[in-house]
Protein backbone atom coordinates (compact mmCIF):
# COMPACT_ATOMS: atom_id res chain seq x y z
CA MET A 1 -9.02 -19.32 -82.91
CA LEU A 2 -9.74 -22.05 -80.33
CA THR A 3 -7.02 -24.24 -81.86
CA ASP A 4 -4.58 -21.33 -81.81
CA ASN A 5 -5.43 -20.62 -78.17
CA GLY A 6 -4.83 -24.25 -77.23
CA TYR A 7 -1.45 -24.41 -78.97
CA ALA A 8 -0.36 -21.08 -77.50
CA TYR A 9 -1.48 -22.08 -74.01
CA ALA A 10 0.42 -25.38 -74.17
CA LYS A 11 3.62 -23.56 -75.15
CA ALA A 12 3.03 -20.95 -72.44
CA CYS A 13 2.65 -23.65 -69.77
CA GLY A 14 5.97 -25.16 -70.79
CA ILE A 15 7.73 -21.80 -70.55
CA ILE A 16 6.18 -20.89 -67.19
CA GLY A 17 7.21 -24.28 -65.81
CA LYS A 18 10.86 -23.53 -66.59
CA SER A 19 10.74 -19.88 -65.56
CA PHE A 20 12.16 -18.40 -62.35
CA LEU A 21 8.68 -17.84 -60.93
CA GLY A 22 6.99 -19.72 -58.10
CA VAL A 23 9.17 -22.31 -56.37
CA ARG A 24 12.02 -21.78 -58.84
CA THR A 25 12.46 -18.26 -57.49
CA SER A 26 14.43 -19.88 -54.67
CA LEU A 27 17.25 -20.58 -57.14
CA LEU A 28 17.88 -16.83 -57.38
CA SER A 29 18.41 -16.49 -53.62
CA ALA A 30 21.66 -18.49 -53.78
CA LEU A 31 23.32 -16.12 -56.27
CA HIS A 32 26.31 -14.03 -55.21
CA THR A 33 27.87 -12.80 -58.47
CA LEU A 34 26.75 -11.82 -61.97
CA ASN A 35 28.71 -14.75 -63.37
CA ASP A 36 26.75 -17.08 -61.07
CA MET A 37 23.53 -15.63 -62.43
CA GLU A 38 24.62 -15.94 -66.05
CA LYS A 39 25.45 -19.61 -65.52
CA LEU A 40 22.05 -20.23 -63.92
CA VAL A 41 19.82 -18.34 -66.33
CA PHE A 42 21.85 -18.93 -69.50
CA PRO A 43 23.56 -22.31 -68.98
CA ASP A 44 24.05 -22.80 -72.73
CA ASN A 45 26.38 -19.82 -73.05
CA GLN A 46 29.67 -21.10 -74.41
CA LYS A 47 31.77 -18.27 -73.01
CA GLU A 48 31.64 -16.63 -69.62
CA SER A 49 31.20 -12.86 -69.85
CA GLU A 50 33.90 -10.62 -68.43
CA GLY A 51 34.68 -6.98 -67.80
CA GLY A 52 32.77 -3.88 -66.82
CA ASN A 53 30.01 -4.50 -69.34
CA LEU A 54 28.90 -7.70 -67.65
CA LEU A 55 25.77 -6.12 -66.15
CA ALA A 56 24.72 -4.45 -69.41
CA GLY A 57 25.34 -7.68 -71.31
CA LEU A 58 23.35 -9.73 -68.83
CA GLU A 59 20.44 -7.28 -68.86
CA LYS A 60 20.34 -7.46 -72.66
CA GLN A 61 20.28 -11.25 -72.51
CA ILE A 62 17.39 -11.10 -70.03
CA THR A 63 15.43 -8.74 -72.28
CA ASP A 64 16.13 -10.84 -75.38
CA ARG A 65 15.12 -14.01 -73.52
CA ALA A 66 11.75 -12.52 -72.54
CA ALA A 67 11.16 -11.34 -76.10
CA ARG A 68 11.88 -14.84 -77.46
CA PHE A 69 9.39 -16.38 -75.05
CA LEU A 70 6.67 -13.88 -75.98
CA LEU A 71 7.27 -14.22 -79.71
CA SER A 72 7.24 -18.01 -79.42
CA VAL A 73 3.79 -18.05 -77.82
CA ILE A 74 2.11 -15.14 -79.62
CA GLY A 75 3.60 -16.41 -82.87
CA SER A 76 1.46 -19.54 -82.43
CA TYR A 77 -1.51 -17.56 -83.70
CA SER A 78 -2.13 -17.48 -87.43
CA ASN A 79 -3.48 -13.97 -86.86
CA PRO A 80 -2.41 -12.70 -83.41
CA PRO A 81 -5.13 -10.81 -81.49
CA GLU A 82 -4.55 -7.07 -81.52
CA ILE A 83 -4.22 -6.84 -77.74
CA LEU A 84 -1.33 -9.34 -77.75
CA ALA A 85 0.34 -7.53 -80.63
CA CYS A 86 0.11 -4.31 -78.61
CA MET A 87 1.77 -5.99 -75.64
CA LEU A 88 4.67 -7.12 -77.82
CA LYS A 89 5.40 -3.46 -78.43
CA SER A 90 5.47 -2.67 -74.71
CA ALA A 91 9.24 -2.16 -74.72
CA GLU A 92 8.68 0.94 -76.84
CA TYR A 93 6.49 2.40 -74.10
CA LYS A 94 8.29 1.26 -70.96
CA SER A 95 8.75 4.26 -68.71
CA PRO A 96 9.74 3.26 -65.17
CA LEU A 97 10.04 6.38 -63.05
CA SER A 98 13.47 6.71 -61.50
CA ASP A 99 13.80 6.53 -57.72
CA ASP A 100 16.39 9.28 -58.09
CA PRO A 101 14.92 12.49 -59.52
CA ILE A 102 18.43 13.78 -60.21
CA LYS A 103 18.79 11.16 -62.93
CA GLN A 104 15.88 12.70 -64.78
CA GLY A 105 16.69 16.30 -64.00
CA LYS A 106 14.80 18.77 -61.87
CA ASN A 107 11.88 18.91 -64.28
CA LEU A 108 10.23 15.60 -64.99
CA SER A 109 9.79 15.23 -68.74
CA GLU A 110 6.25 14.75 -69.95
CA ARG A 111 7.54 12.09 -72.34
CA GLU A 112 7.09 9.29 -69.78
CA ALA A 113 3.50 10.29 -69.15
CA ARG A 114 2.73 10.40 -72.87
CA LEU A 115 4.27 6.95 -73.42
CA ASP A 116 2.24 5.46 -70.58
CA TYR A 117 -0.94 7.07 -71.88
CA GLN A 118 -0.44 5.83 -75.45
CA TYR A 119 0.43 2.29 -74.37
CA TYR A 120 -2.64 1.89 -72.20
CA LYS A 121 -4.87 3.68 -74.71
CA ASN A 122 -3.86 1.07 -77.31
CA LEU A 123 -4.59 -1.76 -74.90
CA ILE A 124 -8.02 -0.38 -74.02
CA GLU A 125 -8.94 0.04 -77.67
CA SER A 126 -7.86 -3.54 -78.45
CA LEU A 127 -9.74 -4.80 -75.39
CA GLY A 128 -12.94 -3.69 -77.11
CA LEU A 129 -12.32 -6.30 -79.80
CA LEU A 130 -12.60 -9.13 -77.26
CA SER A 131 -15.74 -10.69 -75.82
CA GLY A 132 -16.83 -13.28 -73.28
CA ASP A 133 -14.11 -15.35 -71.60
CA ASP A 134 -11.48 -13.74 -73.80
CA ARG A 135 -12.23 -10.39 -72.17
CA LYS A 136 -13.20 -11.14 -68.56
CA ILE A 137 -9.81 -11.67 -66.91
CA THR A 138 -7.98 -9.30 -69.24
CA GLN A 139 -10.32 -6.42 -68.42
CA LYS A 140 -10.00 -6.93 -64.67
CA LEU A 141 -6.21 -7.11 -64.79
CA LEU A 142 -5.89 -4.14 -67.13
CA CYS A 143 -8.18 -1.96 -65.00
CA GLU A 144 -6.23 -2.80 -61.85
CA GLU A 145 -2.91 -2.15 -63.56
CA ILE A 146 -3.90 1.27 -64.88
CA SER A 147 -5.50 2.33 -61.59
CA LEU A 148 -2.43 1.28 -59.61
CA ARG A 149 -0.04 2.74 -62.17
CA ASN A 150 -1.82 6.06 -61.58
CA CYS A 151 -1.31 5.66 -57.84
CA ILE A 152 2.40 5.00 -58.35
CA TRP A 153 2.68 8.10 -60.53
CA ALA A 154 0.89 10.16 -57.88
CA LEU A 155 3.11 8.98 -55.02
CA ARG A 156 6.36 9.37 -56.93
CA LEU A 157 5.55 12.78 -58.36
CA ARG A 158 4.64 14.11 -54.92
CA PHE A 159 7.44 12.38 -53.00
CA TYR A 160 10.40 12.78 -55.36
CA TYR A 161 9.42 15.90 -57.28
CA GLU A 162 7.31 17.69 -54.65
CA LYS A 163 4.54 18.41 -57.13
CA ASN A 164 1.28 19.79 -55.80
CA GLU A 165 -2.18 18.28 -56.18
CA THR A 166 -3.03 20.17 -59.38
CA ASP A 167 0.27 19.42 -61.13
CA THR A 168 0.15 15.75 -60.16
CA ALA A 169 -3.44 15.33 -61.36
CA ALA A 170 -2.38 16.46 -64.83
CA TYR A 171 -0.19 13.37 -65.18
CA LEU A 172 -2.90 10.84 -64.33
CA MET A 173 -4.52 8.65 -67.00
CA ASP A 174 -8.23 9.47 -66.95
CA PHE A 175 -9.43 6.33 -68.72
CA GLN A 176 -12.80 4.62 -68.48
CA ILE A 177 -13.39 1.13 -69.86
CA PRO A 178 -16.15 1.14 -72.52
CA GLY A 179 -18.86 -1.43 -71.90
CA SER A 180 -17.73 -2.18 -68.36
CA GLY A 181 -20.91 -0.79 -66.82
CA SER A 182 -18.84 1.43 -64.55
CA GLN A 183 -18.66 5.20 -64.76
CA LYS A 184 -15.61 5.24 -62.52
CA LYS A 185 -12.45 6.73 -63.95
CA LEU A 186 -9.29 4.70 -63.51
CA SER A 187 -7.61 7.76 -61.98
CA SER A 188 -10.10 8.01 -59.11
CA ASP A 189 -8.08 6.06 -56.53
CA ALA A 190 -4.97 8.13 -57.20
CA SER A 191 -6.97 11.35 -57.20
CA ALA A 192 -8.46 10.48 -53.81
CA SER A 193 -4.96 10.44 -52.30
CA LEU A 194 -3.70 13.74 -53.63
CA ASN A 195 -4.66 15.82 -50.58
CA PHE A 196 -3.26 13.32 -48.04
CA HIS A 197 -0.05 14.44 -46.36
CA LEU A 198 2.80 12.05 -47.17
CA ASP A 199 3.89 11.89 -43.52
CA VAL A 200 0.53 11.71 -41.71
CA PRO A 201 -0.48 8.01 -41.55
CA ARG A 202 -3.99 8.58 -40.19
CA GLN A 203 -4.99 10.47 -43.32
CA TRP A 204 -4.39 7.33 -45.39
CA ASP A 205 -6.70 5.17 -43.26
CA GLY A 206 -9.54 3.81 -45.38
CA TRP A 207 -7.95 4.67 -48.72
CA LYS A 208 -8.85 1.93 -51.21
CA ARG A 209 -5.18 1.17 -51.93
CA GLU A 210 -4.05 1.41 -48.32
CA LYS A 211 -2.94 -2.24 -48.19
CA PHE A 212 -0.02 -1.51 -50.54
CA LEU A 213 1.45 1.19 -48.28
CA ASN A 214 4.42 0.60 -46.00
CA MET A 215 3.23 -0.11 -42.49
CA GLU A 216 3.79 2.43 -39.76
CA ASP A 217 6.62 1.35 -37.45
CA SER A 218 5.09 1.03 -33.99
CA SER A 219 8.52 1.53 -32.41
CA HIS A 220 8.66 5.12 -33.66
CA GLU A 221 6.43 8.09 -33.25
CA ALA A 222 3.92 8.66 -36.04
CA LYS A 223 5.75 11.81 -37.15
CA HIS A 224 8.65 9.64 -38.40
CA TRP A 225 6.45 7.69 -40.81
CA SER A 226 6.34 8.63 -44.47
CA VAL A 227 4.91 7.05 -47.59
CA ASP A 228 7.52 4.93 -49.37
CA PRO A 229 6.81 4.91 -53.14
CA ARG A 230 9.32 2.12 -53.76
CA TYR A 231 7.59 -0.14 -51.19
CA PHE A 232 4.22 0.67 -52.74
CA GLN A 233 5.43 -0.19 -56.24
CA ASN A 234 6.94 -3.50 -55.13
CA ALA A 235 3.72 -4.44 -53.33
CA VAL A 236 1.67 -3.57 -56.41
CA SER A 237 3.99 -5.62 -58.61
CA ARG A 238 3.51 -8.71 -56.43
CA TYR A 239 -0.26 -8.20 -56.36
CA LEU A 240 -0.52 -7.93 -60.15
CA TYR A 241 1.73 -10.97 -60.50
CA HIS A 242 -0.63 -13.07 -58.39
CA LEU A 243 -3.66 -11.77 -60.31
CA ALA A 244 -2.00 -12.78 -63.57
CA LEU A 245 -1.00 -16.18 -62.23
CA ARG A 246 -4.57 -16.93 -61.10
CA GLY A 247 -5.94 -15.70 -64.41
CA PHE A 248 -3.49 -17.84 -66.36
CA HIS A 249 -4.70 -21.01 -64.64
CA SER A 250 -8.40 -20.14 -64.24
CA GLU A 251 -9.22 -19.42 -67.89
CA PRO A 252 -7.05 -21.77 -69.99
CA VAL A 253 -7.31 -21.82 -73.78
CA THR A 254 -8.44 -18.18 -73.94
CA ILE A 255 -6.79 -14.96 -75.09
CA SER A 256 -7.04 -13.82 -71.46
CA ALA A 257 -4.74 -16.66 -70.42
CA ILE A 258 -2.13 -15.57 -72.95
CA TYR A 259 -2.52 -11.95 -71.83
CA CYS A 260 -1.75 -13.17 -68.30
CA PHE A 261 1.22 -15.15 -69.64
CA VAL A 262 2.68 -11.97 -71.12
CA LYS A 263 2.32 -10.21 -67.76
CA LEU A 264 4.03 -13.14 -66.00
CA ILE A 265 6.99 -13.07 -68.37
CA GLN A 266 7.27 -9.31 -67.97
CA PHE A 267 7.25 -9.79 -64.19
CA GLU A 268 10.02 -12.41 -64.47
CA GLU A 269 12.04 -10.08 -66.71
CA ASP A 270 11.79 -7.29 -64.12
CA LEU A 271 12.67 -9.73 -61.32
CA LEU A 272 15.77 -11.02 -63.10
CA SER A 273 16.88 -7.49 -63.99
CA SER A 274 16.47 -6.40 -60.36
CA VAL A 275 18.54 -9.35 -59.14
CA ALA A 276 21.26 -8.57 -61.70
CA GLN A 277 21.37 -4.91 -60.64
CA GLY A 278 21.52 -5.91 -56.98
CA LEU A 279 24.38 -8.34 -57.60
CA ALA A 280 26.28 -5.60 -59.42
CA LEU A 281 25.95 -3.48 -56.27
CA GLY A 282 27.22 -6.28 -54.04
CA ILE A 283 23.81 -7.43 -52.74
CA ASP A 284 23.29 -11.19 -52.92
CA GLY A 285 20.20 -12.77 -54.47
CA GLU A 286 18.53 -13.41 -51.13
CA GLY A 287 18.99 -9.77 -50.17
CA VAL A 288 17.44 -8.55 -53.42
CA LEU A 289 14.42 -10.84 -53.01
CA LYS A 290 13.90 -9.52 -49.48
CA MET A 291 14.08 -5.93 -50.71
CA LEU A 292 11.45 -6.73 -53.34
CA GLY A 293 9.25 -8.48 -50.76
CA VAL A 294 9.48 -11.83 -52.58
CA SER A 295 10.15 -14.90 -50.46
CA GLN A 296 12.50 -17.68 -51.50
CA SER A 297 9.48 -19.81 -52.31
CA GLY A 298 8.25 -17.23 -54.80
CA ARG A 299 5.33 -16.16 -52.60
CA GLU A 300 4.92 -12.76 -51.06
CA ALA A 301 7.08 -12.15 -48.06
CA SER A 302 5.15 -11.51 -44.89
């Protein structure tokens, strides 16, 4: 397994070095059209895409590119660890909540919640097969991701769908990590926020996840402030990206490092897709990065 980890990590380093993460994020800020983006990200394409399907075609290329990278690295294992195999299937479980409730209808389907629950349940079960350095970083990152995913669910359900505390709580993933020594449920942070008013900033003071909230604008009266779920989700995404990046470099030649690699590639896939969607709407690359809170250097915008 150590040999497999070393080979996989070497391949992962090569892919990360050529990715559009870190300093190479700045290349995305200069983009103005979808054709510009296609030339940058897929320079080997023999034919420039045309027509109204350009965005859909580019998004498919981005998804396929990420899948190739993941298969290349995870395929380095003679017998891939179960947790990495589970992550390869993540596309089957992806369930980003729409910012526009109309797109999903007045009643939010429970399908998204079930997909989330099953995906993370599989990851937690496969986490139990790891030990030592192979588990340390992975467990921390997974716990943070589930806890914050619950918070995102809570904010979006209350903000976009006006669900009450009881209805929202039913959607939260009530997981505990076996063997972690903690009795805390990974829904506790989200649950703690359910009785806070979405437009009363003082009520959110001291909440464990307060740092991911949009700041109150001092130029307006407090009554104009409201929780912004999109801002919260973008801030969480950047935070988890930096956790994964540190984990990737701090524990090389471990399964944890490859777990972090998968999260980094998934982050890059989401970033490229967001830029493509922004360009299709007439927003240039720099504008999209600012909206996401990502600076041109690839670090968090202040």
